[in-house]
C-alpha atoms as a PDB file:
ATOM      1  CA  MET A   1      12.124 -16.328  -3.974  1.00  0.00           C
ATOM      2  CA  ASN A   2       8.952 -15.979  -1.955  1.00  0.00           C
ATOM      3  CA  ILE A   3       9.478 -13.927   1.177  1.00  0.00           C
ATOM      4  CA  GLU A   4       5.816 -14.159   2.131  1.00  0.00           C
ATOM      5  CA  ALA A   5       6.173 -17.921   2.576  1.00  0.00           C
ATOM      6  CA  GLU A   6       8.787 -17.309   5.265  1.00  0.00           C
ATOM      7  CA  LEU A   7       6.647 -14.878   7.262  1.00  0.00           C
ATOM      8  CA  PRO A   8       4.144 -15.882   9.966  1.00  0.00           C
ATOM      9  CA  GLU A   9       0.674 -16.780   8.726  1.00  0.00           C
ATOM     10  CA  ASP A  10      -0.899 -13.871  10.610  1.00  0.00           C
ATOM     11  CA  PHE A  11       1.550 -11.320   9.170  1.00  0.00           C
ATOM     12  CA  ASP A  12      -1.189  -9.360   7.368  1.00  0.00           C
ATOM     13  CA  GLU A  13      -3.079  -8.925  10.627  1.00  0.00           C
ATOM     14  CA  LEU A  14      -0.111  -7.467  12.539  1.00  0.00           C
ATOM     15  CA  SER A  15       0.396  -3.770  13.146  1.00  0.00           C
ATOM     16  CA  ASP A  16       2.941  -2.041  10.925  1.00  0.00           C
ATOM     17  CA  GLU A  17       5.363  -1.860  13.850  1.00  0.00           C
ATOM     18  CA  LYS A  18       5.131  -5.624  14.409  1.00  0.00           C
ATOM     19  CA  LYS A  19       5.516  -6.254  10.670  1.00  0.00           C
ATOM     20  CA  VAL A  20       8.795  -4.347  10.699  1.00  0.00           C
ATOM     21  CA  GLU A  21       9.946  -6.413  13.701  1.00  0.00           C
ATOM     22  CA  GLU A  22       9.084  -9.678  11.940  1.00  0.00           C
ATOM     23  CA  LEU A  23      10.879  -8.528   8.790  1.00  0.00           C
ATOM     24  CA  GLU A  24      13.974  -7.632  10.832  1.00  0.00           C
ATOM     25  CA  GLU A  25      13.983 -11.107  12.381  1.00  0.00           C
ATOM     26  CA  LEU A  26      13.649 -12.710   8.959  1.00  0.00           C
ATOM     27  CA  GLU A  27      16.416 -10.518   7.572  1.00  0.00           C
ATOM     28  CA  LYS A  28      18.790 -11.743  10.309  1.00  0.00           C
ATOM     29  CA  LYS A  29      18.177 -15.361   9.284  1.00  0.00           C
ATOM     30  CA  ILE A  30      18.923 -14.915   5.584  1.00  0.00           C
ATOM     31  CA  ASP A  31      22.303 -15.981   4.257  1.00  0.00           C
ATOM     32  CA  ASP A  32      23.480 -13.097   2.096  1.00  0.00           C
ATOM     33  CA  THR A  33      26.598 -14.799   0.762  1.00  0.00           C
ATOM     34  CA  ASP A  34      24.856 -15.576  -2.525  1.00  0.00           C
ATOM     35  CA  ASP A  35      22.869 -13.491  -4.993  1.00  0.00           C
ATOM     36  CA  ALA A  36      19.504 -14.913  -3.934  1.00  0.00           C
ATOM     37  CA  GLY A  37      20.143 -14.005  -0.309  1.00  0.00           C
ATOM     38  CA  MET A  38      21.174 -10.476  -1.215  1.00  0.00           C
ATOM     39  CA  VAL A  39      18.046 -10.035  -3.323  1.00  0.00           C
ATOM     40  CA  LYS A  40      15.869 -11.281  -0.466  1.00  0.00           C
ATOM     41  CA  LYS A  41      17.521  -8.835   1.931  1.00  0.00           C
ATOM     42  CA  ARG A  42      16.890  -5.950  -0.469  1.00  0.00           C
ATOM     43  CA  MET A  43      13.247  -7.008  -0.821  1.00  0.00           C
ATOM     44  CA  ILE A  44      12.881  -7.154   2.966  1.00  0.00           C
ATOM     45  CA  GLN A  45      14.490  -3.734   3.355  1.00  0.00           C
ATOM     46  CA  GLU A  46      12.009  -2.288   0.857  1.00  0.00           C
ATOM     47  CA  LEU A  47       9.081  -3.857   2.723  1.00  0.00           C
ATOM     48  CA  LYS A  48      10.412  -2.462   6.004  1.00  0.00           C
ATOM     49  CA  ARG A  49      10.561   1.025   4.471  1.00  0.00           C
ATOM     50  CA  ASN A  50       6.977   0.681   3.270  1.00  0.00           C
ATOM     51  CA  TYR A  51       5.674  -0.368   6.677  1.00  0.00           C
ATOM     52  CA  ALA A  52       7.790   2.150   8.597  1.00  0.00           C
ATOM     53  CA  SER A  53       6.368   5.107   6.683  1.00  0.00           C
END
């Protein structure tokens, strides 16, 4: 369950605002009908909170 592998290679270089946008796009693509998908979505939501603050 490696979210970083699904993000763009230049993710670390993006502004916090762009990171949140990329995370939102990734979150839309995740299938949350299973436990792994729900865990990934929660991880993404936590990352979004970190970058939004």
